[in-house]
């Protein structure tokens, strides 16, 4: 296995996850995969509340991997999604950095 690429793009992440788990993920479907994703989000929440730095690293990786899995199953290109939503600045005020108020939700 090649060493990890420190400059991995979202497209490369999606390809890596697709190559590793694509058949399993497709068989599981969106509903089953979403449940795994939510379980990982819960584990991340626990790690943020009281886990070590290493635990947080691993849980962030799991959440990102399961998000890429969901995107693959739903045929969504994550790089395209991010560019469309955030490529022009904050979706609320269109500025970078965001100038929306602290209680506004962009």
Protein backbone atom coordinates (compact mmCIF):
# COMPACT_ATOMS: atom_id res chain seq x y z
CA UNK A 1 0.00 0.00 0.00
CA UNK A 2 1.42 3.44 -0.91
CA UNK A 3 2.03 5.99 1.86
CA UNK A 4 -0.82 8.43 2.55
CA UNK A 5 -0.92 11.56 0.42
CA UNK A 6 -0.88 14.66 2.67
CA UNK A 7 -2.47 16.67 -0.15
CA UNK A 8 -5.37 14.29 -0.88
CA UNK A 9 -8.31 16.00 -2.56
CA UNK A 10 -11.94 15.23 -1.88
CA UNK A 11 -12.13 13.50 -5.27
CA UNK A 12 -9.16 11.32 -4.34
CA UNK A 13 -10.79 10.50 -1.01
CA UNK A 14 -14.02 9.51 -2.74
CA UNK A 15 -12.08 7.33 -5.19
CA UNK A 16 -10.11 5.69 -2.39
CA UNK A 17 -13.27 4.86 -0.44
CA UNK A 18 -15.04 3.68 -3.61
CA UNK A 19 -12.14 1.39 -4.52
CA UNK A 20 -11.87 -0.02 -0.99
CA UNK A 21 -15.54 -0.43 -0.12
CA UNK A 22 -17.66 0.29 -3.19
CA UNK A 23 -19.22 -3.17 -3.56
CA UNK A 24 -20.11 -3.41 0.15
CA UNK A 25 -21.39 0.15 0.22
CA UNK A 26 -23.60 -0.35 -2.82
CA UNK A 27 -25.09 -3.52 -1.34
CA UNK A 28 -25.79 -1.78 1.99
CA UNK A 29 -27.55 1.13 0.29
CA UNK A 30 -28.22 4.65 1.45
CA UNK A 31 -30.35 3.81 4.50
CA UNK A 32 -27.90 1.33 6.01
CA UNK A 33 -24.94 3.54 5.22
CA UNK A 34 -26.62 6.58 6.73
CA UNK A 35 -27.10 4.67 9.99
CA UNK A 36 -23.36 3.83 10.08
CA UNK A 37 -22.57 7.48 9.34
CA UNK A 38 -24.76 8.63 12.25
CA UNK A 39 -23.12 6.12 14.58
CA UNK A 40 -19.72 7.57 13.65
CA UNK A 41 -21.00 11.11 14.25
CA UNK A 42 -22.01 9.98 17.74
CA UNK A 43 -18.55 8.52 18.33
CA UNK A 44 -17.02 11.80 17.19
CA UNK A 45 -19.24 13.69 19.62
CA UNK A 46 -17.99 11.48 22.46
CA UNK A 47 -14.36 11.97 21.39
CA UNK A 48 -14.84 15.74 21.29
CA UNK A 49 -16.28 15.72 24.80
CA UNK A 50 -13.58 13.64 26.43
CA UNK A 51 -11.37 11.71 24.06
CA UNK A 52 -7.69 12.00 23.39
CA UNK A 53 -6.29 13.79 20.37
CA UNK A 54 -5.68 10.40 18.73
CA UNK A 55 -9.30 9.38 19.29
CA UNK A 56 -10.50 12.65 17.75
CA UNK A 57 -8.23 12.12 14.74
CA UNK A 58 -9.62 8.65 14.13
CA UNK A 59 -13.25 9.67 14.62
CA UNK A 60 -12.93 12.65 12.26
CA UNK A 61 -11.44 10.25 9.69
CA UNK A 62 -14.33 7.82 10.16
CA UNK A 63 -16.97 10.54 9.76
CA UNK A 64 -15.28 11.86 6.63
CA UNK A 65 -14.96 8.34 5.16
CA UNK A 66 -18.63 7.55 5.80
CA UNK A 67 -19.63 10.91 4.30
CA UNK A 68 -17.60 10.03 1.19
CA UNK A 69 -19.36 6.66 1.13
CA UNK A 70 -22.78 8.33 1.24
CA UNK A 71 -21.73 10.74 -1.51
CA UNK A 72 -20.54 7.82 -3.65
CA UNK A 73 -23.81 5.92 -3.23
CA UNK A 74 -25.84 9.07 -3.94
CA UNK A 75 -23.61 9.88 -6.94
CA UNK A 76 -22.60 13.26 -5.51
CA UNK A 77 -19.16 14.70 -6.25
CA UNK A 78 -18.07 16.27 -2.97
CA UNK A 79 -15.67 18.72 -4.62
CA UNK A 80 -18.45 19.95 -6.90
CA UNK A 81 -20.84 20.24 -3.95
CA UNK A 82 -18.38 22.28 -1.88
CA UNK A 83 -17.48 24.51 -4.81
CA UNK A 84 -21.13 25.22 -5.62
CA UNK A 85 -22.09 25.95 -2.02
CA UNK A 86 -18.98 27.71 -0.67
CA UNK A 87 -16.85 28.59 -3.70
CA UNK A 88 -18.27 32.10 -3.87
CA UNK A 89 -17.87 32.81 -0.16
CA UNK A 90 -20.37 32.43 2.64
CA UNK A 91 -23.73 31.24 1.27
CA UNK A 92 -25.47 33.86 3.43
CA UNK A 93 -23.48 37.05 2.89
CA UNK A 94 -21.23 35.95 -0.03
CA UNK A 95 -18.18 37.25 1.86
CA UNK A 96 -14.94 35.56 2.91
CA UNK A 97 -14.49 35.75 5.82
CA UNK A 98 -18.19 35.55 6.67
CA UNK A 99 -19.78 38.77 7.89
CA UNK A 100 -23.09 37.22 9.00
CA UNK A 101 -24.10 37.79 12.60
CA UNK A 102 -23.26 35.15 15.22
CA UNK A 103 -26.91 34.07 15.41
CA UNK A 104 -27.36 33.82 11.62
CA UNK A 105 -27.05 30.39 10.04
CA UNK A 106 -25.23 30.20 6.74
